[in-house]
Amino acid sequence: MSIIKRFFQKQSAPNNPYKEFWNWFSENEKKFFDIVKDGEKIDEAFFAILSPRLEQLHKGIFFYRECLTKTLPNLS
């Protein structure tokens, strides 16, 4: 490749993990909406898929779900 072509070649944008996450999430949002709306297998079909992607953005991230008894646990 000539020096001129290399100089004017479009540079690829640096990886933006947040943008990549939201692009991925947008591609899957309909499926996720249907899973959560259905209320069945949310852990396996939603959180199990979402967790590794979020872990890539922030180590140690966790989810807080509503307790089955409708009471909040003592988090202190």
N, C-alpha and C. Protein backbone atom coordinates (compact mmCIF):
# COMPACT_ATOMS: atom_id res chain seq x y z
N MET A 1 0.85 -1.17 0.00
CA MET A 1 0.00 0.00 0.00
C MET A 1 0.90 1.24 0.00
N SER A 2 0.56 2.18 -0.79
CA SER A 2 1.39 3.38 -0.88
C SER A 2 1.26 4.22 0.40
N ILE A 3 2.22 5.06 0.60
CA ILE A 3 2.24 5.93 1.78
C ILE A 3 1.03 6.85 1.78
N ILE A 4 0.65 7.34 0.65
CA ILE A 4 -0.50 8.25 0.55
C ILE A 4 -1.78 7.53 0.94
N LYS A 5 -1.96 6.31 0.44
CA LYS A 5 -3.18 5.56 0.79
C LYS A 5 -3.23 5.27 2.28
N ARG A 6 -2.09 4.89 2.85
CA ARG A 6 -2.05 4.61 4.29
C ARG A 6 -2.36 5.87 5.10
N PHE A 7 -1.89 6.99 4.65
CA PHE A 7 -2.12 8.24 5.36
C PHE A 7 -3.59 8.64 5.36
N PHE A 8 -4.28 8.42 4.24
CA PHE A 8 -5.67 8.83 4.12
C PHE A 8 -6.67 7.72 4.44
N GLN A 9 -6.16 6.55 4.76
CA GLN A 9 -7.05 5.44 5.10
C GLN A 9 -7.81 5.78 6.38
N LYS A 10 -9.09 5.48 6.38
CA LYS A 10 -9.93 5.77 7.53
C LYS A 10 -9.47 4.94 8.73
N GLN A 11 -9.25 5.61 9.82
CA GLN A 11 -8.84 4.93 11.04
C GLN A 11 -10.07 4.35 11.73
N SER A 12 -9.94 3.15 12.22
CA SER A 12 -11.06 2.56 12.95
C SER A 12 -11.16 3.21 14.32
N ALA A 13 -12.39 3.38 14.76
CA ALA A 13 -12.63 4.00 16.06
C ALA A 13 -12.14 3.07 17.17
N PRO A 14 -11.61 3.63 18.24
CA PRO A 14 -11.18 2.78 19.35
C PRO A 14 -12.39 2.08 19.97
N ASN A 15 -12.14 0.92 20.53
CA ASN A 15 -13.22 0.17 21.16
C ASN A 15 -13.82 0.96 22.30
N ASN A 16 -15.13 1.01 22.33
CA ASN A 16 -15.85 1.64 23.42
C ASN A 16 -16.74 0.57 24.03
N PRO A 17 -16.35 -0.03 25.15
CA PRO A 17 -17.11 -1.14 25.70
C PRO A 17 -18.55 -0.78 26.07
N TYR A 18 -18.77 0.46 26.48
CA TYR A 18 -20.13 0.88 26.82
C TYR A 18 -21.01 0.94 25.57
N LYS A 19 -20.46 1.50 24.52
CA LYS A 19 -21.21 1.56 23.26
C LYS A 19 -21.47 0.16 22.73
N GLU A 20 -20.47 -0.71 22.81
CA GLU A 20 -20.64 -2.10 22.37
C GLU A 20 -21.73 -2.80 23.18
N PHE A 21 -21.74 -2.55 24.51
CA PHE A 21 -22.77 -3.16 25.35
C PHE A 21 -24.16 -2.70 24.92
N TRP A 22 -24.33 -1.39 24.75
CA TRP A 22 -25.66 -0.89 24.41
C TRP A 22 -26.09 -1.29 23.00
N ASN A 23 -25.15 -1.43 22.10
CA ASN A 23 -25.49 -1.97 20.77
C ASN A 23 -25.98 -3.40 20.89
N TRP A 24 -25.25 -4.20 21.67
CA TRP A 24 -25.65 -5.59 21.90
C TRP A 24 -27.02 -5.65 22.58
N PHE A 25 -27.20 -4.82 23.61
CA PHE A 25 -28.47 -4.82 24.33
C PHE A 25 -29.61 -4.42 23.40
N SER A 26 -29.41 -3.42 22.58
CA SER A 26 -30.44 -2.96 21.64
C SER A 26 -30.82 -4.07 20.66
N GLU A 27 -29.84 -4.84 20.24
CA GLU A 27 -30.13 -5.95 19.33
C GLU A 27 -30.97 -7.03 19.99
N ASN A 28 -30.91 -7.13 21.32
CA ASN A 28 -31.61 -8.17 22.06
C ASN A 28 -32.78 -7.66 22.90
N GLU A 29 -33.07 -6.37 22.85
CA GLU A 29 -34.05 -5.80 23.76
C GLU A 29 -35.45 -6.41 23.61
N LYS A 30 -35.89 -6.71 22.41
CA LYS A 30 -37.21 -7.30 22.21
C LYS A 30 -37.29 -8.67 22.90
N LYS A 31 -36.25 -9.47 22.72
CA LYS A 31 -36.21 -10.78 23.36
C LYS A 31 -36.21 -10.62 24.88
N PHE A 32 -35.40 -9.70 25.39
CA PHE A 32 -35.34 -9.48 26.83
C PHE A 32 -36.69 -8.98 27.37
N PHE A 33 -37.31 -8.08 26.65
CA PHE A 33 -38.62 -7.56 27.07
C PHE A 33 -39.62 -8.70 27.18
N ASP A 34 -39.65 -9.57 26.17
CA ASP A 34 -40.59 -10.69 26.18
C ASP A 34 -40.31 -11.65 27.33
N ILE A 35 -39.05 -11.89 27.63
CA ILE A 35 -38.68 -12.79 28.73
C ILE A 35 -39.16 -12.22 30.06
N VAL A 36 -38.87 -10.95 30.29
CA VAL A 36 -39.27 -10.32 31.55
C VAL A 36 -40.78 -10.19 31.65
N LYS A 37 -41.42 -9.85 30.55
CA LYS A 37 -42.88 -9.72 30.54
C LYS A 37 -43.53 -11.06 30.87
N ASP A 38 -42.99 -12.13 30.30
CA ASP A 38 -43.52 -13.48 30.54
C ASP A 38 -43.35 -13.87 32.00
N GLY A 39 -42.26 -13.45 32.61
CA GLY A 39 -42.03 -13.73 34.03
C GLY A 39 -41.51 -15.11 34.32
N GLU A 40 -41.30 -15.91 33.32
CA GLU A 40 -40.79 -17.27 33.49
C GLU A 40 -39.32 -17.32 33.08
N LYS A 41 -38.52 -18.04 33.79
CA LYS A 41 -37.11 -18.27 33.45
C LYS A 41 -36.32 -16.96 33.29
N ILE A 42 -36.64 -15.97 34.10
CA ILE A 42 -35.93 -14.70 34.02
C ILE A 42 -34.46 -14.89 34.37
N ASP A 43 -34.20 -15.70 35.40
CA ASP A 43 -32.80 -15.92 35.79
C ASP A 43 -32.00 -16.57 34.67
N GLU A 44 -32.53 -17.62 34.08
CA GLU A 44 -31.79 -18.37 33.06
C GLU A 44 -31.75 -17.64 31.71
N ALA A 45 -32.85 -17.03 31.33
CA ALA A 45 -32.96 -16.47 29.98
C ALA A 45 -32.61 -14.98 29.90
N PHE A 46 -32.53 -14.32 31.04
CA PHE A 46 -32.21 -12.89 31.01
C PHE A 46 -30.95 -12.59 31.82
N PHE A 47 -31.00 -12.83 33.14
CA PHE A 47 -29.86 -12.48 33.98
C PHE A 47 -28.61 -13.28 33.64
N ALA A 48 -28.75 -14.54 33.31
CA ALA A 48 -27.59 -15.37 32.97
C ALA A 48 -26.90 -14.88 31.69
N ILE A 49 -27.65 -14.28 30.81
CA ILE A 49 -27.09 -13.73 29.57
C ILE A 49 -26.54 -12.33 29.81
N LEU A 50 -27.26 -11.55 30.59
CA LEU A 50 -26.88 -10.17 30.85
C LEU A 50 -25.66 -10.05 31.77
N SER A 51 -25.58 -10.89 32.77
CA SER A 51 -24.52 -10.80 33.78
C SER A 51 -23.11 -10.81 33.21
N PRO A 52 -22.76 -11.76 32.34
CA PRO A 52 -21.39 -11.75 31.82
C PRO A 52 -21.06 -10.49 31.01
N ARG A 53 -22.04 -9.96 30.31
CA ARG A 53 -21.81 -8.74 29.54
C ARG A 53 -21.56 -7.56 30.46
N LEU A 54 -22.34 -7.45 31.54
CA LEU A 54 -22.13 -6.37 32.49
C LEU A 54 -20.83 -6.55 33.27
N GLU A 55 -20.46 -7.79 33.54
CA GLU A 55 -19.21 -8.07 34.24
C GLU A 55 -18.01 -7.57 33.44
N GLN A 56 -18.12 -7.57 32.12
CA GLN A 56 -17.06 -7.04 31.28
C GLN A 56 -16.90 -5.52 31.47
N LEU A 57 -17.99 -4.86 31.79
CA LEU A 57 -17.95 -3.41 31.99
C LEU A 57 -17.52 -3.02 33.40
N HIS A 58 -17.98 -3.82 34.37
CA HIS A 58 -17.72 -3.48 35.77
C HIS A 58 -17.62 -4.77 36.58
N LYS A 59 -16.43 -5.08 37.02
CA LYS A 59 -16.22 -6.29 37.82
C LYS A 59 -17.01 -6.20 39.12
N GLY A 60 -17.66 -7.30 39.48
CA GLY A 60 -18.38 -7.38 40.74
C GLY A 60 -19.78 -6.81 40.72
N ILE A 61 -20.28 -6.47 39.57
CA ILE A 61 -21.65 -5.93 39.49
C ILE A 61 -22.64 -7.03 39.90
N PHE A 62 -23.71 -6.64 40.52
CA PHE A 62 -24.72 -7.62 40.93
C PHE A 62 -26.11 -7.04 40.71
N PHE A 63 -27.10 -7.91 40.81
CA PHE A 63 -28.50 -7.51 40.63
C PHE A 63 -29.23 -7.64 41.95
N TYR A 64 -30.11 -6.73 42.18
CA TYR A 64 -31.00 -6.82 43.32
C TYR A 64 -32.40 -7.03 42.78
N ARG A 65 -32.98 -8.15 43.14
CA ARG A 65 -34.35 -8.45 42.71
C ARG A 65 -35.27 -8.35 43.90
N GLU A 66 -36.51 -8.06 43.61
CA GLU A 66 -37.53 -7.97 44.65
C GLU A 66 -37.65 -9.31 45.36
N CYS A 67 -37.76 -9.28 46.67
CA CYS A 67 -37.92 -10.50 47.43
C CYS A 67 -39.30 -11.10 47.18
N LEU A 68 -39.38 -12.41 47.26
CA LEU A 68 -40.67 -13.07 47.05
C LEU A 68 -41.69 -12.69 48.11
N THR A 69 -41.22 -12.31 49.30
CA THR A 69 -42.13 -11.95 50.38
C THR A 69 -42.55 -10.49 50.31
N LYS A 70 -42.07 -9.75 49.32
CA LYS A 70 -42.38 -8.32 49.16
C LYS A 70 -41.82 -7.47 50.28
N THR A 71 -40.82 -7.99 51.01
CA THR A 71 -40.18 -7.20 52.04
C THR A 71 -38.71 -7.02 51.66
N LEU A 72 -38.15 -5.93 52.09
CA LEU A 72 -36.75 -5.67 51.77
C LEU A 72 -35.85 -6.30 52.83
N PRO A 73 -34.79 -6.95 52.42
CA PRO A 73 -33.86 -7.50 53.40
C PRO A 73 -33.04 -6.38 54.02
N ASN A 74 -32.46 -6.66 55.16
CA ASN A 74 -31.57 -5.71 55.80
C ASN A 74 -30.24 -5.78 55.07
N LEU A 75 -29.88 -4.71 54.34
CA LEU A 75 -28.66 -4.70 53.55
C LEU A 75 -27.48 -4.08 54.28
N SER A 76 -27.67 -3.70 55.54
CA SER A 76 -26.57 -3.07 56.27
C SER A 76 -25.70 -4.10 56.95
